[in-house]
Amino acid sequence: MAKRGSWSVAPSLFADVVEEDLTKRMRSIALAMLQEIVLRSPVDTGLFRNNHVVTILSPTYTPTLETDVSGAGAISRGLAAMTGLEPYTVVYIQNNLAYAQKLEDGHSKQAPPGGIYAASFHGVSQAFK
């Protein structure tokens, strides 16, 4: 038994475990969000689906001209971007195509009525409640 006023395990070790768990949770939520967004994305050429981008700490505004109907490339790049994820950092998931907002607002018969990002956020937030 530890003496009164002393710690049997240093609080700093506990903090490291908490931060590690937080990072794992953040990565799980961000990956689930990205997967939902990609799967809910309407597909014509695959350009929109391939333009979902994950960045850490700051957004990027460069679209790609490459297509990918499956969305596997966007998910793979997103997962790679999350490799160095640190606790308490901001994860951005965005699509920089000029027509992305129109798709989010329902200007496609293929897009979900509640929006791609909005519906994905709702579903993931309910899953991780």
Foldseek 3Di string as FASTA:
>chain_A
DDDPPDDPDDVVVVVVVVFVVQLVVVLVLQLLLLVQLLVLDDDDQQQQSCQWAKAKQDDDQDGDPDGDRVSPNRSVRNNVRSPPPGPPIDIDTDGNDPCQVVLQCPVDPSHDNNGSNRVSVVVSVVVVD
